[in-house]
N, C-alpha and C. Protein backbone atom coordinates (compact mmCIF):
# COMPACT_ATOMS: atom_id res chain seq x y z
N MET A 1 142.50 102.47 101.73
CA MET A 1 142.48 102.35 103.09
C MET A 1 141.05 102.89 103.43
N GLN A 2 140.58 103.95 102.68
CA GLN A 2 139.25 104.52 103.00
C GLN A 2 138.20 103.49 102.82
N ALA A 3 138.29 102.68 101.86
CA ALA A 3 137.30 101.61 101.62
C ALA A 3 137.35 100.62 102.80
N MET A 4 138.36 100.25 103.29
CA MET A 4 138.54 99.29 104.35
C MET A 4 137.73 99.77 105.62
N ARG A 5 137.85 101.10 105.77
CA ARG A 5 137.16 101.66 107.05
C ARG A 5 135.67 101.60 106.97
N ARG A 6 135.16 101.73 105.62
CA ARG A 6 133.74 101.82 105.44
C ARG A 6 133.14 100.44 105.45
N PHE A 7 133.90 99.52 105.18
CA PHE A 7 133.30 98.08 105.07
C PHE A 7 132.46 97.59 106.34
N PRO A 8 132.97 97.81 107.57
CA PRO A 8 132.23 97.46 108.82
C PRO A 8 130.80 98.17 108.76
N TRP A 9 130.79 99.45 108.47
CA TRP A 9 129.55 100.17 108.49
C TRP A 9 128.58 99.68 107.38
N ILE A 10 129.07 99.40 106.23
CA ILE A 10 128.19 98.93 105.11
C ILE A 10 127.76 97.56 105.52
N ALA A 11 128.53 96.77 106.14
CA ALA A 11 128.09 95.42 106.51
C ALA A 11 126.96 95.54 107.58
N LEU A 12 127.22 96.45 108.54
CA LEU A 12 126.13 96.66 109.46
C LEU A 12 124.85 97.14 108.83
N ILE A 13 124.93 98.05 107.96
CA ILE A 13 123.60 98.53 107.29
C ILE A 13 122.96 97.52 106.58
N VAL A 14 123.73 96.51 105.77
CA VAL A 14 123.23 95.61 105.10
C VAL A 14 122.55 94.47 106.10
N ILE A 15 123.18 94.12 107.13
CA ILE A 15 122.55 93.20 108.18
C ILE A 15 121.34 93.88 108.69
N GLY A 16 121.40 95.14 109.10
CA GLY A 16 120.16 95.86 109.52
C GLY A 16 119.00 95.83 108.52
N LEU A 17 119.26 96.08 107.23
CA LEU A 17 118.24 96.06 106.32
C LEU A 17 117.61 94.57 106.15
N PHE A 18 118.47 93.54 106.17
CA PHE A 18 118.07 92.22 106.20
C PHE A 18 117.14 91.91 107.32
N ALA A 19 117.51 92.38 108.44
CA ALA A 19 116.61 92.15 109.72
C ALA A 19 115.40 92.84 109.63
N ALA A 20 115.34 94.18 109.08
CA ALA A 20 114.10 94.92 109.04
C ALA A 20 113.18 94.40 108.07
N THR A 21 113.66 93.72 107.00
CA THR A 21 112.82 93.15 106.04
C THR A 21 112.37 91.77 106.07
N GLY A 22 113.00 91.16 107.10
CA GLY A 22 112.66 89.68 107.36
C GLY A 22 111.26 89.38 107.62
N PRO A 23 110.80 88.16 107.95
CA PRO A 23 109.33 87.85 108.18
C PRO A 23 108.97 88.52 109.42
N ALA A 24 107.82 88.94 109.68
CA ALA A 24 107.30 89.54 111.05
C ALA A 24 106.74 88.33 111.77
N ARG A 25 107.61 87.60 112.38
CA ARG A 25 107.23 86.49 113.13
C ARG A 25 108.29 86.16 114.22
N SER A 26 107.79 85.81 115.37
CA SER A 26 108.63 85.52 116.58
C SER A 26 109.55 84.47 116.26
N ALA A 27 110.79 84.57 116.58
CA ALA A 27 111.89 83.64 116.35
C ALA A 27 111.64 82.24 116.82
N ASP A 28 111.18 82.22 118.12
CA ASP A 28 110.92 80.92 118.80
C ASP A 28 109.39 80.82 119.10
N PRO A 29 108.93 79.60 118.61
CA PRO A 29 107.52 79.45 118.88
C PRO A 29 107.24 79.22 120.36
N HIS A 30 106.08 79.64 120.78
CA HIS A 30 105.73 79.59 122.14
C HIS A 30 104.56 78.43 122.32
N THR A 31 104.37 77.98 123.47
CA THR A 31 103.33 76.99 123.54
C THR A 31 102.15 77.73 124.28
N LEU A 32 100.94 77.49 123.79
CA LEU A 32 99.79 77.92 124.30
C LEU A 32 98.79 76.71 124.51
N GLU A 33 97.98 76.83 125.55
CA GLU A 33 97.18 75.54 125.79
C GLU A 33 95.71 76.17 125.96
N ILE A 34 94.70 75.41 125.50
CA ILE A 34 93.35 75.72 125.69
C ILE A 34 92.76 74.47 126.40
N ALA A 35 92.04 74.77 127.56
CA ALA A 35 91.45 73.73 128.38
C ALA A 35 89.98 73.78 128.09
N SER A 36 89.53 72.88 127.36
CA SER A 36 88.10 72.79 126.89
C SER A 36 87.36 71.51 127.51
N LYS A 37 86.06 71.30 127.32
CA LYS A 37 85.37 70.03 127.78
C LYS A 37 85.92 68.76 127.22
N THR A 38 86.69 69.01 126.09
CA THR A 38 87.22 67.86 125.39
C THR A 38 88.68 67.51 125.75
N GLY A 39 89.18 68.29 126.70
CA GLY A 39 90.65 68.13 127.14
C GLY A 39 91.46 69.40 126.89
N VAL A 40 92.72 69.19 127.10
CA VAL A 40 93.74 70.33 126.96
C VAL A 40 94.37 70.16 125.61
N HIS A 41 94.29 71.33 124.86
CA HIS A 41 94.79 71.31 123.48
C HIS A 41 96.04 72.23 123.35
N ALA A 42 97.13 71.86 122.95
CA ALA A 42 98.29 72.60 122.91
C ALA A 42 98.55 73.14 121.42
N PHE A 43 99.08 74.24 121.35
CA PHE A 43 99.38 74.88 120.06
C PHE A 43 100.74 75.55 120.11
N SER A 44 101.60 75.40 118.97
CA SER A 44 102.77 76.15 118.91
C SER A 44 102.51 77.46 118.26
N VAL A 45 102.68 78.59 118.81
CA VAL A 45 102.26 79.93 118.31
C VAL A 45 103.42 80.77 118.13
N GLU A 46 103.27 81.60 117.17
CA GLU A 46 104.12 82.75 116.95
C GLU A 46 103.54 83.93 117.53
N ILE A 47 104.21 84.81 118.06
CA ILE A 47 103.59 85.91 118.80
C ILE A 47 103.69 87.35 117.91
N ALA A 48 102.63 87.98 117.69
CA ALA A 48 102.56 89.20 117.10
C ALA A 48 102.26 90.20 118.11
N GLN A 49 103.40 90.98 118.46
CA GLN A 49 103.29 91.84 119.63
C GLN A 49 103.48 93.28 119.47
N ASN A 50 103.82 93.76 118.21
CA ASN A 50 103.90 95.11 117.88
C ASN A 50 103.04 95.35 116.66
N ASP A 51 102.85 96.63 116.32
CA ASP A 51 101.97 97.03 115.28
C ASP A 51 102.31 96.47 113.92
N ALA A 52 103.59 96.39 113.66
CA ALA A 52 104.04 95.81 112.26
C ALA A 52 103.70 94.33 112.23
N GLU A 53 103.90 93.58 113.32
CA GLU A 53 103.67 92.14 113.30
C GLU A 53 102.24 91.86 113.35
N ARG A 54 101.31 92.74 114.12
CA ARG A 54 99.91 92.54 114.05
C ARG A 54 99.30 92.90 112.69
N SER A 55 99.85 93.96 111.99
CA SER A 55 99.38 94.23 110.85
C SER A 55 99.46 93.18 109.77
N LYS A 56 100.64 92.56 109.82
CA LYS A 56 100.88 91.49 108.74
C LYS A 56 100.26 90.20 109.04
N GLY A 57 100.35 89.82 110.34
CA GLY A 57 99.71 88.61 110.82
C GLY A 57 100.08 87.37 109.98
N LEU A 58 99.04 86.73 109.51
CA LEU A 58 99.33 85.50 108.65
C LEU A 58 99.08 85.77 107.16
N MET A 59 99.16 86.94 106.73
CA MET A 59 99.05 87.34 105.35
C MET A 59 100.02 86.68 104.49
N TYR A 60 99.61 86.33 103.30
CA TYR A 60 100.40 85.84 102.32
C TYR A 60 100.88 84.44 102.57
N ARG A 61 100.53 83.76 103.50
CA ARG A 61 100.90 82.39 103.78
C ARG A 61 99.96 81.47 103.08
N LYS A 62 100.45 80.35 102.37
CA LYS A 62 99.66 79.42 101.67
C LYS A 62 99.18 78.31 102.53
N GLU A 63 99.74 78.06 103.76
CA GLU A 63 99.33 76.92 104.51
C GLU A 63 99.63 77.29 105.98
N LEU A 64 98.94 76.64 106.96
CA LEU A 64 99.23 76.69 108.28
C LEU A 64 98.85 75.37 108.89
N PRO A 65 99.95 74.72 109.36
CA PRO A 65 99.77 73.36 109.89
C PRO A 65 98.84 73.30 111.10
N GLU A 66 98.11 72.09 111.29
CA GLU A 66 97.33 71.98 112.42
C GLU A 66 98.23 71.97 113.62
N GLY A 67 97.79 72.50 114.73
CA GLY A 67 98.47 72.60 115.97
C GLY A 67 99.39 73.81 115.87
N GLN A 68 99.32 74.64 114.88
CA GLN A 68 100.17 75.91 114.90
C GLN A 68 99.25 77.11 114.75
N GLY A 69 99.82 78.29 115.15
CA GLY A 69 98.90 79.40 114.96
C GLY A 69 99.76 80.67 115.27
N MET A 70 98.99 81.88 115.34
CA MET A 70 99.62 83.05 115.69
C MET A 70 98.77 83.75 116.80
N LEU A 71 99.48 84.15 117.80
CA LEU A 71 98.79 84.88 118.92
C LEU A 71 99.05 86.38 118.84
N PHE A 72 98.11 87.12 118.66
CA PHE A 72 98.24 88.52 118.66
C PHE A 72 98.04 89.21 120.07
N ASP A 73 99.01 89.80 120.51
CA ASP A 73 99.10 90.35 121.99
C ASP A 73 98.91 91.91 121.76
N PHE A 74 97.83 92.29 122.42
CA PHE A 74 97.47 93.76 122.31
C PHE A 74 97.88 94.59 123.63
N GLN A 75 98.61 93.91 124.39
CA GLN A 75 99.30 94.47 125.73
C GLN A 75 98.30 94.85 126.76
N HIS A 76 96.97 95.16 126.41
CA HIS A 76 95.90 95.53 127.35
C HIS A 76 94.63 95.16 126.71
N GLU A 77 93.67 94.96 127.51
CA GLU A 77 92.28 94.70 126.89
C GLU A 77 91.69 95.98 126.12
N GLN A 78 91.14 95.59 124.89
CA GLN A 78 90.52 96.60 124.08
C GLN A 78 89.77 95.88 123.06
N GLU A 79 88.84 96.72 122.53
CA GLU A 79 88.03 96.05 121.40
C GLU A 79 88.95 96.15 120.13
N VAL A 80 88.85 95.04 119.38
CA VAL A 80 89.69 95.04 118.11
C VAL A 80 88.85 94.51 116.98
N GLY A 81 89.26 94.64 115.73
CA GLY A 81 88.76 94.19 114.56
C GLY A 81 89.83 93.59 113.64
N PHE A 82 89.48 92.54 113.03
CA PHE A 82 90.35 91.81 112.06
C PHE A 82 89.77 91.82 110.74
N TRP A 83 90.51 91.48 109.70
CA TRP A 83 90.01 91.20 108.36
C TRP A 83 90.96 90.13 107.71
N MET A 84 90.55 89.66 106.55
CA MET A 84 91.29 88.62 105.90
C MET A 84 91.96 89.07 104.54
N GLU A 85 92.10 90.46 104.37
CA GLU A 85 92.82 90.94 103.16
C GLU A 85 94.23 90.24 103.12
N ASN A 86 94.56 89.74 101.90
CA ASN A 86 95.83 89.09 101.64
C ASN A 86 96.14 87.88 102.44
N THR A 87 95.01 87.31 103.01
CA THR A 87 95.18 86.03 103.86
C THR A 87 94.53 84.88 102.92
N TYR A 88 95.34 83.93 102.56
CA TYR A 88 94.90 82.98 101.49
C TYR A 88 94.24 81.71 102.15
N ILE A 89 94.27 81.54 103.42
CA ILE A 89 93.81 80.34 104.08
C ILE A 89 92.61 80.76 105.14
N PRO A 90 91.57 79.80 105.21
CA PRO A 90 90.49 80.17 106.17
C PRO A 90 91.15 79.92 107.49
N LEU A 91 90.68 80.77 108.42
CA LEU A 91 91.19 80.71 109.73
C LEU A 91 90.02 80.63 110.77
N ASP A 92 90.21 80.14 111.93
CA ASP A 92 89.44 80.37 113.16
C ASP A 92 90.15 81.42 113.91
N MET A 93 89.28 82.38 114.36
CA MET A 93 89.84 83.53 115.13
C MET A 93 89.16 83.45 116.56
N ILE A 94 90.08 83.32 117.48
CA ILE A 94 89.67 83.08 118.88
C ILE A 94 90.00 84.29 119.71
N PHE A 95 89.07 85.00 120.13
CA PHE A 95 89.07 86.25 120.75
C PHE A 95 89.28 85.90 122.31
N ILE A 96 90.29 86.48 123.04
CA ILE A 96 90.61 86.12 124.38
C ILE A 96 90.74 87.17 125.32
N ARG A 97 90.05 87.18 126.46
CA ARG A 97 90.06 88.31 127.47
C ARG A 97 91.48 88.21 128.22
N ALA A 98 91.62 89.37 129.00
CA ALA A 98 92.87 89.29 129.70
C ALA A 98 92.96 88.21 130.76
N ASP A 99 91.94 87.74 131.17
CA ASP A 99 92.00 86.73 132.30
C ASP A 99 92.14 85.34 131.63
N GLY A 100 92.24 85.18 130.31
CA GLY A 100 92.47 83.94 129.60
C GLY A 100 91.17 83.21 129.24
N ARG A 101 89.99 83.75 129.29
CA ARG A 101 88.80 83.23 128.95
C ARG A 101 88.48 83.50 127.47
N ILE A 102 88.05 82.61 126.75
CA ILE A 102 87.59 82.83 125.31
C ILE A 102 86.23 83.64 125.36
N LEU A 103 86.30 84.81 124.76
CA LEU A 103 85.07 85.61 124.71
C LEU A 103 84.23 85.26 123.42
N ARG A 104 84.81 84.82 122.37
CA ARG A 104 84.21 84.67 121.09
C ARG A 104 85.02 83.91 120.23
N ILE A 105 84.39 83.14 119.30
CA ILE A 105 85.20 82.29 118.19
C ILE A 105 84.43 82.69 116.88
N VAL A 106 85.27 82.95 115.89
CA VAL A 106 84.68 83.15 114.54
C VAL A 106 85.34 82.09 113.75
N GLU A 107 84.66 81.09 113.23
CA GLU A 107 85.16 80.08 112.55
C GLU A 107 85.23 80.23 111.05
N ASN A 108 86.17 79.56 110.46
CA ASN A 108 86.39 79.59 108.94
C ASN A 108 86.13 80.79 108.27
N THR A 109 86.97 81.79 108.62
CA THR A 109 86.88 83.15 108.02
C THR A 109 87.22 83.04 106.58
N GLU A 110 86.60 84.04 105.91
CA GLU A 110 86.65 84.07 104.27
C GLU A 110 88.01 84.50 103.84
N PRO A 111 88.76 83.69 103.26
CA PRO A 111 90.08 84.18 102.66
C PRO A 111 89.84 85.40 101.71
N LEU A 112 90.77 86.45 101.84
CA LEU A 112 90.89 87.55 100.98
C LEU A 112 89.67 88.57 101.26
N SER A 113 88.84 88.43 102.16
CA SER A 113 87.66 89.13 102.41
C SER A 113 88.20 90.51 103.22
N THR A 114 87.61 91.60 102.94
CA THR A 114 87.90 92.95 103.58
C THR A 114 86.77 93.16 104.72
N ARG A 115 85.97 92.26 104.99
CA ARG A 115 84.96 92.45 105.93
C ARG A 115 85.55 92.41 107.23
N ILE A 116 85.06 93.49 108.12
CA ILE A 116 85.79 93.52 109.41
C ILE A 116 85.07 92.55 110.31
N ILE A 117 85.86 91.83 111.10
CA ILE A 117 85.49 90.80 112.09
C ILE A 117 85.71 91.49 113.43
N PRO A 118 84.69 91.80 114.13
CA PRO A 118 84.76 92.44 115.53
C PRO A 118 85.12 91.56 116.61
N SER A 119 85.78 91.94 117.57
CA SER A 119 86.04 91.13 118.76
C SER A 119 84.71 90.77 119.58
N GLY A 120 83.82 91.77 119.57
CA GLY A 120 82.61 91.52 120.32
C GLY A 120 82.80 92.03 121.76
N GLY A 121 83.81 92.63 122.09
CA GLY A 121 84.14 93.07 123.44
C GLY A 121 85.49 93.35 123.60
N PRO A 122 86.01 93.79 124.78
CA PRO A 122 87.41 93.97 125.02
C PRO A 122 88.13 92.55 125.19
N VAL A 123 89.28 92.65 124.33
CA VAL A 123 90.14 91.27 124.50
C VAL A 123 91.61 91.81 124.67
N ARG A 124 92.48 90.85 125.17
CA ARG A 124 93.84 91.07 125.40
C ARG A 124 94.59 90.48 124.18
N GLY A 125 94.01 89.43 123.66
CA GLY A 125 94.72 88.64 122.54
C GLY A 125 93.75 88.05 121.74
N VAL A 126 94.23 87.56 120.45
CA VAL A 126 93.55 86.79 119.38
C VAL A 126 94.45 85.74 119.01
N LEU A 127 93.94 84.56 119.00
CA LEU A 127 94.55 83.36 118.43
C LEU A 127 93.95 82.99 117.16
N GLU A 128 94.83 82.98 116.08
CA GLU A 128 94.49 82.50 114.71
C GLU A 128 95.01 81.09 114.47
N VAL A 129 94.11 80.12 114.19
CA VAL A 129 94.56 78.85 113.88
C VAL A 129 93.78 78.35 112.58
N ILE A 130 94.22 77.32 111.90
CA ILE A 130 93.63 76.93 110.66
C ILE A 130 92.18 76.73 110.76
N GLY A 131 91.34 77.21 109.92
CA GLY A 131 89.86 76.97 109.86
C GLY A 131 89.43 75.60 110.27
N GLY A 132 88.47 75.53 111.13
CA GLY A 132 87.86 74.24 111.40
C GLY A 132 88.49 73.68 112.80
N THR A 133 89.46 74.20 113.27
CA THR A 133 90.04 73.73 114.55
C THR A 133 89.21 73.73 115.68
N ALA A 134 88.59 74.85 115.92
CA ALA A 134 87.81 75.08 117.15
C ALA A 134 86.69 73.94 117.17
N ARG A 135 85.94 73.79 116.04
CA ARG A 135 84.96 72.78 116.00
C ARG A 135 85.42 71.33 116.06
N LYS A 136 86.57 71.14 115.49
CA LYS A 136 87.08 69.76 115.44
C LYS A 136 87.51 69.41 116.97
N LEU A 137 88.15 70.34 117.67
CA LEU A 137 88.60 70.09 119.02
C LEU A 137 87.59 70.38 120.13
N GLY A 138 86.34 70.99 119.80
CA GLY A 138 85.48 71.29 120.72
C GLY A 138 85.84 72.49 121.68
N ILE A 139 86.50 73.47 121.05
CA ILE A 139 86.81 74.75 121.74
C ILE A 139 85.63 75.60 121.64
N ALA A 140 85.33 76.23 122.89
CA ALA A 140 84.12 77.10 122.74
C ALA A 140 84.41 78.26 123.68
N ALA A 141 83.54 79.39 123.51
CA ALA A 141 83.50 80.54 124.28
C ALA A 141 83.38 80.06 125.78
N GLY A 142 84.33 80.68 126.67
CA GLY A 142 84.22 80.41 128.00
C GLY A 142 85.44 79.45 128.31
N ASP A 143 86.02 78.84 127.44
CA ASP A 143 87.16 77.93 127.67
C ASP A 143 88.22 78.72 128.10
N ARG A 144 89.35 78.07 128.92
CA ARG A 144 90.35 78.86 129.47
C ARG A 144 91.63 78.69 128.67
N VAL A 145 92.35 79.84 128.27
CA VAL A 145 93.63 79.77 127.59
C VAL A 145 94.78 79.97 128.41
N ALA A 146 95.71 79.19 128.39
CA ALA A 146 97.03 79.35 129.28
C ALA A 146 98.19 79.73 128.34
N HIS A 147 98.76 80.94 128.76
CA HIS A 147 99.93 81.53 128.07
C HIS A 147 100.27 82.71 128.93
N PRO A 148 101.63 82.91 129.19
CA PRO A 148 101.99 84.00 129.94
C PRO A 148 101.38 85.37 129.83
N ILE A 149 100.90 85.69 128.60
CA ILE A 149 100.31 87.00 128.46
C ILE A 149 98.89 87.09 129.20
N PHE A 150 98.39 85.90 129.54
CA PHE A 150 97.13 86.05 130.27
C PHE A 150 97.25 85.76 131.71
N GLY A 151 98.41 85.95 132.17
CA GLY A 151 98.59 85.90 133.76
C GLY A 151 98.91 84.54 134.16
N ALA A 152 98.54 84.23 135.44
CA ALA A 152 98.88 82.86 135.94
C ALA A 152 97.98 81.86 135.32
N ARG A 153 98.50 80.58 135.25
CA ARG A 153 97.86 79.52 134.67
C ARG A 153 96.86 78.92 135.62
């Protein structure tokens, strides 16, 4: 009888451990759009919105399909720095101000590098997409990003 009473608690602990060790990515992808001189480009993004998710980012992934990415939400504008440690694929890092304007783009970052990549000023978010995307789509500093974290569209 004692074992039967413990079973629900053990099941809850196991489920909690599974949830805590699962992948650090938003369950539902969100749509983000960038309006550039070449048109509007839509991306399906995972949101990294807490310290654990932002720390892991796209580490350990072997691929990132075109049109997908990760949006790092810092909750308010601040200067940030990124690196590529444990990241196996080249990325474009798009640094975005709170008003949705792109501040800076660093293209084709070097996989596995520990070199710090600074935002170059205060940003609310950073979009990481597969390397070469910004050049291919004509995305540039000053372009507008539409997503709820950047306010009205």
